[in-house]
Structure formats: C-alpha cells, structure tokens
Amino acid sequence: MAIDERFEDLEPRKAKPAPKDLTVMGVAEIEAYIAALEAEITRARAAIAAKQAQKSAAEAFFKKG
C-alpha cells in the first residue's frame, strides 16, 4: 500500500462551488461574469500548455541519454 493511499482520507475535500444565480444579475453584470470566466479559461489553458511543454522537454532530454 502506498503512502498516498493511506492518507487519502485525511485531506479535506473541496466542495464544488454552487453556480451563480444569473437571474438576479443584470446584462452588464453577466457580461462581466463571462469575461472573468473567459480570463480564467485562458489562464488554465496557458497552465496546460506550460505543463505540456515541460513534459515534452523532459521526455526529449531523457530520450537523448
């Protein structure tokens, strides 16, 4: 049994955030909310690209050996 498996239950679980209630928001507020979500998506995609580049670089480095 790996250490991670034994202590898996000790870490607090993060609750899934509730969706925003869009019915109480005006059009401008919803547009701002969408812009914020799109910015977060862009940030997440950049993080994915960086991790993929690191992985590719590491694979290329170890294949040369």
PDB file of N, CA and C in Angstrom:
ATOM      1  N   MET A   1       0.848  -1.179   0.000  1.00  0.00           N
ATOM      2  CA  MET A   1       0.000   0.000   0.000  1.00  0.00           C
ATOM      3  C   MET A   1       0.891   1.238   0.000  1.00  0.00           C
ATOM      4  N   ALA A   2       0.638   2.149  -0.905  1.00  0.00           N
ATOM      5  CA  ALA A   2       1.422   3.377  -0.994  1.00  0.00           C
ATOM      6  C   ALA A   2       0.997   4.357   0.098  1.00  0.00           C
ATOM      7  N   ILE A   3       1.907   5.243   0.414  1.00  0.00           N
ATOM      8  CA  ILE A   3       1.615   6.240   1.453  1.00  0.00           C
ATOM      9  C   ILE A   3       0.420   7.095   1.057  1.00  0.00           C
ATOM     10  N   ASP A   4       0.342   7.464  -0.199  1.00  0.00           N
ATOM     11  CA  ASP A   4      -0.763   8.308  -0.659  1.00  0.00           C
ATOM     12  C   ASP A   4      -2.117   7.647  -0.417  1.00  0.00           C
ATOM     13  N   GLU A   5      -2.189   6.353  -0.581  1.00  0.00           N
ATOM     14  CA  GLU A   5      -3.460   5.640  -0.384  1.00  0.00           C
ATOM     15  C   GLU A   5      -3.872   5.649   1.090  1.00  0.00           C
ATOM     16  N   ARG A   6      -2.915   5.555   1.986  1.00  0.00           N
ATOM     17  CA  ARG A   6      -3.243   5.509   3.411  1.00  0.00           C
ATOM     18  C   ARG A   6      -3.737   6.853   3.926  1.00  0.00           C
ATOM     19  N   PHE A   7      -3.201   7.937   3.406  1.00  0.00           N
ATOM     20  CA  PHE A   7      -3.536   9.260   3.923  1.00  0.00           C
ATOM     21  C   PHE A   7      -4.527  10.017   3.044  1.00  0.00           C
ATOM     22  N   GLU A   8      -5.073   9.347   2.070  1.00  0.00           N
ATOM     23  CA  GLU A   8      -6.004   9.984   1.146  1.00  0.00           C
ATOM     24  C   GLU A   8      -7.219  10.566   1.876  1.00  0.00           C
ATOM     25  N   ASP A   9      -7.721   9.865   2.874  1.00  0.00           N
ATOM     26  CA  ASP A   9      -8.912  10.315   3.586  1.00  0.00           C
ATOM     27  C   ASP A   9      -8.634  11.452   4.560  1.00  0.00           C
ATOM     28  N   LEU A  10      -7.367  11.734   4.846  1.00  0.00           N
ATOM     29  CA  LEU A  10      -7.040  12.782   5.802  1.00  0.00           C
ATOM     30  C   LEU A  10      -7.109  14.178   5.193  1.00  0.00           C
ATOM     31  N   GLU A  11      -7.026  14.275   3.873  1.00  0.00           N
ATOM     32  CA  GLU A  11      -7.068  15.580   3.218  1.00  0.00           C
ATOM     33  C   GLU A  11      -8.515  16.054   3.109  1.00  0.00           C
ATOM     34  N   PRO A  12      -8.741  17.331   3.420  1.00  0.00           N
ATOM     35  CA  PRO A  12     -10.114  17.838   3.309  1.00  0.00           C
ATOM     36  C   PRO A  12     -10.565  17.866   1.851  1.00  0.00           C
ATOM     37  N   ARG A  13     -11.788  17.521   1.635  1.00  0.00           N
ATOM     38  CA  ARG A  13     -12.337  17.534   0.282  1.00  0.00           C
ATOM     39  C   ARG A  13     -12.870  18.923  -0.015  1.00  0.00           C
ATOM     40  N   LYS A  14     -12.582  19.392  -1.209  1.00  0.00           N
ATOM     41  CA  LYS A  14     -13.041  20.717  -1.596  1.00  0.00           C
ATOM     42  C   LYS A  14     -14.463  20.594  -2.142  1.00  0.00           C
ATOM     43  N   ALA A  15     -15.335  21.417  -1.607  1.00  0.00           N
ATOM     44  CA  ALA A  15     -16.722  21.409  -2.062  1.00  0.00           C
ATOM     45  C   ALA A  15     -16.806  22.083  -3.423  1.00  0.00           C
ATOM     46  N   LYS A  16     -17.641  21.535  -4.273  1.00  0.00           N
ATOM     47  CA  LYS A  16     -17.868  22.113  -5.590  1.00  0.00           C
ATOM     48  C   LYS A  16     -18.645  23.410  -5.407  1.00  0.00           C
ATOM     49  N   PRO A  17     -18.143  24.519  -5.967  1.00  0.00           N
ATOM     50  CA  PRO A  17     -18.857  25.788  -5.774  1.00  0.00           C
ATOM     51  C   PRO A  17     -20.219  25.766  -6.453  1.00  0.00           C
ATOM     52  N   ALA A  18     -21.184  26.397  -5.818  1.00  0.00           N
ATOM     53  CA  ALA A  18     -22.532  26.461  -6.376  1.00  0.00           C
ATOM     54  C   ALA A  18     -22.528  27.415  -7.568  1.00  0.00           C
ATOM     55  N   PRO A  19     -23.311  27.108  -8.598  1.00  0.00           N
ATOM     56  CA  PRO A  19     -23.403  28.015  -9.747  1.00  0.00           C
ATOM     57  C   PRO A  19     -23.988  29.361  -9.320  1.00  0.00           C
ATOM     58  N   LYS A  20     -23.529  30.415  -9.966  1.00  0.00           N
ATOM     59  CA  LYS A  20     -24.058  31.745  -9.655  1.00  0.00           C
ATOM     60  C   LYS A  20     -25.512  31.833 -10.109  1.00  0.00           C
ATOM     61  N   ASP A  21     -26.282  32.586  -9.351  1.00  0.00           N
ATOM     62  CA  ASP A  21     -27.683  32.834  -9.706  1.00  0.00           C
ATOM     63  C   ASP A  21     -27.706  33.979 -10.706  1.00  0.00           C
ATOM     64  N   LEU A  22     -27.874  33.646 -11.969  1.00  0.00           N
ATOM     65  CA  LEU A  22     -27.848  34.653 -13.019  1.00  0.00           C
ATOM     66  C   LEU A  22     -29.142  35.457 -13.094  1.00  0.00           C
ATOM     67  N   THR A  23     -30.191  34.961 -12.485  1.00  0.00           N
ATOM     68  CA  THR A  23     -31.487  35.646 -12.578  1.00  0.00           C
ATOM     69  C   THR A  23     -31.485  36.979 -11.851  1.00  0.00           C
ATOM     70  N   VAL A  24     -30.610  37.147 -10.872  1.00  0.00           N
ATOM     71  CA  VAL A  24     -30.573  38.398 -10.113  1.00  0.00           C
ATOM     72  C   VAL A  24     -29.561  39.386 -10.689  1.00  0.00           C
ATOM     73  N   MET A  25     -28.871  38.991 -11.752  1.00  0.00           N
ATOM     74  CA  MET A  25     -27.828  39.829 -12.337  1.00  0.00           C
ATOM     75  C   MET A  25     -28.365  40.545 -13.576  1.00  0.00           C
ATOM     76  N   GLY A  26     -27.865  41.752 -13.788  1.00  0.00           N
ATOM     77  CA  GLY A  26     -28.193  42.489 -14.999  1.00  0.00           C
ATOM     78  C   GLY A  26     -27.316  42.033 -16.147  1.00  0.00           C
ATOM     79  N   VAL A  27     -27.637  42.520 -17.343  1.00  0.00           N
ATOM     80  CA  VAL A  27     -26.893  42.133 -18.541  1.00  0.00           C
ATOM     81  C   VAL A  27     -25.415  42.493 -18.398  1.00  0.00           C
ATOM     82  N   ALA A  28     -25.117  43.690 -17.946  1.00  0.00           N
ATOM     83  CA  ALA A  28     -23.724  44.122 -17.803  1.00  0.00           C
ATOM     84  C   ALA A  28     -22.990  43.243 -16.792  1.00  0.00           C
ATOM     85  N   GLU A  29     -23.660  42.877 -15.720  1.00  0.00           N
ATOM     86  CA  GLU A  29     -23.039  42.005 -14.710  1.00  0.00           C
ATOM     87  C   GLU A  29     -22.762  40.622 -15.275  1.00  0.00           C
ATOM     88  N   ILE A  30     -23.689  40.107 -16.048  1.00  0.00           N
ATOM     89  CA  ILE A  30     -23.493  38.786 -16.661  1.00  0.00           C
ATOM     90  C   ILE A  30     -22.352  38.844 -17.666  1.00  0.00           C
ATOM     91  N   GLU A  31     -22.276  39.921 -18.440  1.00  0.00           N
ATOM     92  CA  GLU A  31     -21.177  40.067 -19.401  1.00  0.00           C
ATOM     93  C   GLU A  31     -19.831  40.145 -18.677  1.00  0.00           C
ATOM     94  N   ALA A  32     -19.782  40.849 -17.558  1.00  0.00           N
ATOM     95  CA  ALA A  32     -18.548  40.919 -16.772  1.00  0.00           C
ATOM     96  C   ALA A  32     -18.202  39.552 -16.199  1.00  0.00           C
ATOM     97  N   TYR A  33     -19.212  38.824 -15.770  1.00  0.00           N
ATOM     98  CA  TYR A  33     -19.008  37.479 -15.237  1.00  0.00           C
ATOM     99  C   TYR A  33     -18.442  36.561 -16.325  1.00  0.00           C
ATOM    100  N   ILE A  34     -18.991  36.652 -17.525  1.00  0.00           N
ATOM    101  CA  ILE A  34     -18.497  35.855 -18.648  1.00  0.00           C
ATOM    102  C   ILE A  34     -17.053  36.223 -18.958  1.00  0.00           C
ATOM    103  N   ALA A  35     -16.734  37.516 -18.957  1.00  0.00           N
ATOM    104  CA  ALA A  35     -15.358  37.957 -19.226  1.00  0.00           C
ATOM    105  C   ALA A  35     -14.395  37.384 -18.188  1.00  0.00           C
ATOM    106  N   ALA A  36     -14.816  37.373 -16.930  1.00  0.00           N
ATOM    107  CA  ALA A  36     -13.967  36.817 -15.866  1.00  0.00           C
ATOM    108  C   ALA A  36     -13.770  35.312 -16.068  1.00  0.00           C
ATOM    109  N   LEU A  37     -14.825  34.614 -16.449  1.00  0.00           N
ATOM    110  CA  LEU A  37     -14.709  33.172 -16.704  1.00  0.00           C
ATOM    111  C   LEU A  37     -13.795  32.899 -17.893  1.00  0.00           C
ATOM    112  N   GLU A  38     -13.932  33.703 -18.952  1.00  0.00           N
ATOM    113  CA  GLU A  38     -13.074  33.518 -20.126  1.00  0.00           C
ATOM    114  C   GLU A  38     -11.608  33.785 -19.781  1.00  0.00           C
ATOM    115  N   ALA A  39     -11.353  34.768 -18.924  1.00  0.00           N
ATOM    116  CA  ALA A  39      -9.982  35.039 -18.486  1.00  0.00           C
ATOM    117  C   ALA A  39      -9.432  33.851 -17.707  1.00  0.00           C
ATOM    118  N   GLU A  40     -10.251  33.242 -16.873  1.00  0.00           N
ATOM    119  CA  GLU A  40      -9.817  32.073 -16.100  1.00  0.00           C
ATOM    120  C   GLU A  40      -9.562  30.879 -17.019  1.00  0.00           C
ATOM    121  N   ILE A  41     -10.390  30.714 -18.046  1.00  0.00           N
ATOM    122  CA  ILE A  41     -10.178  29.641 -19.022  1.00  0.00           C
ATOM    123  C   ILE A  41      -8.850  29.852 -19.746  1.00  0.00           C
ATOM    124  N   THR A  42      -8.572  31.081 -20.135  1.00  0.00           N
ATOM    125  CA  THR A  42      -7.309  31.408 -20.804  1.00  0.00           C
ATOM    126  C   THR A  42      -6.128  31.093 -19.894  1.00  0.00           C
ATOM    127  N   ARG A  43      -6.244  31.442 -18.630  1.00  0.00           N
ATOM    128  CA  ARG A  43      -5.182  31.164 -17.659  1.00  0.00           C
ATOM    129  C   ARG A  43      -4.972  29.661 -17.497  1.00  0.00           C
ATOM    130  N   ALA A  44      -6.064  28.913 -17.442  1.00  0.00           N
ATOM    131  CA  ALA A  44      -5.968  27.458 -17.296  1.00  0.00           C
ATOM    132  C   ALA A  44      -5.338  26.828 -18.540  1.00  0.00           C
ATOM    133  N   ARG A  45      -5.705  27.314 -19.720  1.00  0.00           N
ATOM    134  CA  ARG A  45      -5.123  26.776 -20.957  1.00  0.00           C
ATOM    135  C   ARG A  45      -3.628  27.081 -21.033  1.00  0.00           C
ATOM    136  N   ALA A  46      -3.225  28.244 -20.552  1.00  0.00           N
ATOM    137  CA  ALA A  46      -1.799  28.590 -20.529  1.00  0.00           C
ATOM    138  C   ALA A  46      -1.045  27.666 -19.572  1.00  0.00           C
ATOM    139  N   ALA A  47      -1.656  27.336 -18.451  1.00  0.00           N
ATOM    140  CA  ALA A  47      -1.026  26.422 -17.497  1.00  0.00           C
ATOM    141  C   ALA A  47      -0.869  25.035 -18.112  1.00  0.00           C
ATOM    142  N   ILE A  48      -1.880  24.592 -18.835  1.00  0.00           N
ATOM    143  CA  ILE A  48      -1.811  23.293 -19.514  1.00  0.00           C
ATOM    144  C   ILE A  48      -0.688  23.299 -20.540  1.00  0.00           C
ATOM    145  N   ALA A  49      -0.607  24.358 -21.338  1.00  0.00           N
ATOM    146  CA  ALA A  49       0.441  24.456 -22.361  1.00  0.00           C
ATOM    147  C   ALA A  49       1.829  24.445 -21.727  1.00  0.00           C
ATOM    148  N   ALA A  50       1.988  25.151 -20.616  1.00  0.00           N
ATOM    149  CA  ALA A  50       3.281  25.174 -19.932  1.00  0.00           C
ATOM    150  C   ALA A  50       3.652  23.790 -19.408  1.00  0.00           C
ATOM    151  N   LYS A  51       2.689  23.096 -18.830  1.00  0.00           N
ATOM    152  CA  LYS A  51       2.969  21.752 -18.306  1.00  0.00           C
ATOM    153  C   LYS A  51       3.294  20.779 -19.434  1.00  0.00           C
ATOM    154  N   GLN A  52       2.590  20.906 -20.560  1.00  0.00           N
ATOM    155  CA  GLN A  52       2.875  20.038 -21.697  1.00  0.00           C
ATOM    156  C   GLN A  52       4.264  20.314 -22.255  1.00  0.00           C
ATOM    157  N   ALA A  53       4.660  21.592 -22.287  1.00  0.00           N
ATOM    158  CA  ALA A  53       5.999  21.940 -22.766  1.00  0.00           C
ATOM    159  C   ALA A  53       7.074  21.387 -21.837  1.00  0.00           C
ATOM    160  N   GLN A  54       6.845  21.457 -20.530  1.00  0.00           N
ATOM    161  CA  GLN A  54       7.801  20.897 -19.566  1.00  0.00           C
ATOM    162  C   GLN A  54       7.920  19.390 -19.750  1.00  0.00           C
ATOM    163  N   LYS A  55       6.788  18.739 -19.939  1.00  0.00           N
ATOM    164  CA  LYS A  55       6.793  17.287 -20.117  1.00  0.00           C
ATOM    165  C   LYS A  55       7.537  16.909 -21.391  1.00  0.00           C
ATOM    166  N   SER A  56       7.266  17.642 -22.480  1.00  0.00           N
ATOM    167  CA  SER A  56       7.942  17.363 -23.753  1.00  0.00           C
ATOM    168  C   SER A  56       9.438  17.578 -23.625  1.00  0.00           C
ATOM    169  N   ALA A  57       9.837  18.648 -22.939  1.00  0.00           N
ATOM    170  CA  ALA A  57      11.264  18.913 -22.758  1.00  0.00           C
ATOM    171  C   ALA A  57      11.925  17.811 -21.945  1.00  0.00           C
ATOM    172  N   ALA A  58      11.255  17.351 -20.897  1.00  0.00           N
ATOM    173  CA  ALA A  58      11.813  16.287 -20.072  1.00  0.00           C
ATOM    174  C   ALA A  58      11.913  14.984 -20.858  1.00  0.00           C
ATOM    175  N   GLU A  59      10.892  14.681 -21.643  1.00  0.00           N
ATOM    176  CA  GLU A  59      10.931  13.462 -22.466  1.00  0.00           C
ATOM    177  C   GLU A  59      12.058  13.529 -23.481  1.00  0.00           C
ATOM    178  N   ALA A  60      12.232  14.698 -24.097  1.00  0.00           N
ATOM    179  CA  ALA A  60      13.304  14.853 -25.087  1.00  0.00           C
ATOM    180  C   ALA A  60      14.670  14.722 -24.426  1.00  0.00           C
ATOM    181  N   PHE A  61      14.829  15.275 -23.245  1.00  0.00           N
ATOM    182  CA  PHE A  61      16.094  15.205 -22.527  1.00  0.00           C
ATOM    183  C   PHE A  61      16.463  13.759 -22.191  1.00  0.00           C
ATOM    184  N   PHE A  62      15.501  13.014 -21.692  1.00  0.00           N
ATOM    185  CA  PHE A  62      15.819  11.644 -21.274  1.00  0.00           C
ATOM    186  C   PHE A  62      15.909  10.669 -22.429  1.00  0.00           C
ATOM    187  N   LYS A  63      15.343  10.998 -23.579  1.00  0.00           N
ATOM    188  CA  LYS A  63      15.490  10.139 -24.748  1.00  0.00           C
ATOM    189  C   LYS A  63      16.890  10.227 -25.352  1.00  0.00           C
ATOM    190  N   LYS A  64      17.559  11.367 -25.147  1.00  0.00           N
ATOM    191  CA  LYS A  64      18.909  11.564 -25.697  1.00  0.00           C
ATOM    192  C   LYS A  64      19.960  10.698 -25.018  1.00  0.00           C
ATOM    193  N   GLY A  65      19.682  10.316 -23.773  1.00  0.00           N
ATOM    194  CA  GLY A  65      20.653   9.567 -22.979  1.00  0.00           C
ATOM    195  C   GLY A  65      20.905   8.245 -23.509  1.00  0.00           C
TER     196      GLY A  65
END
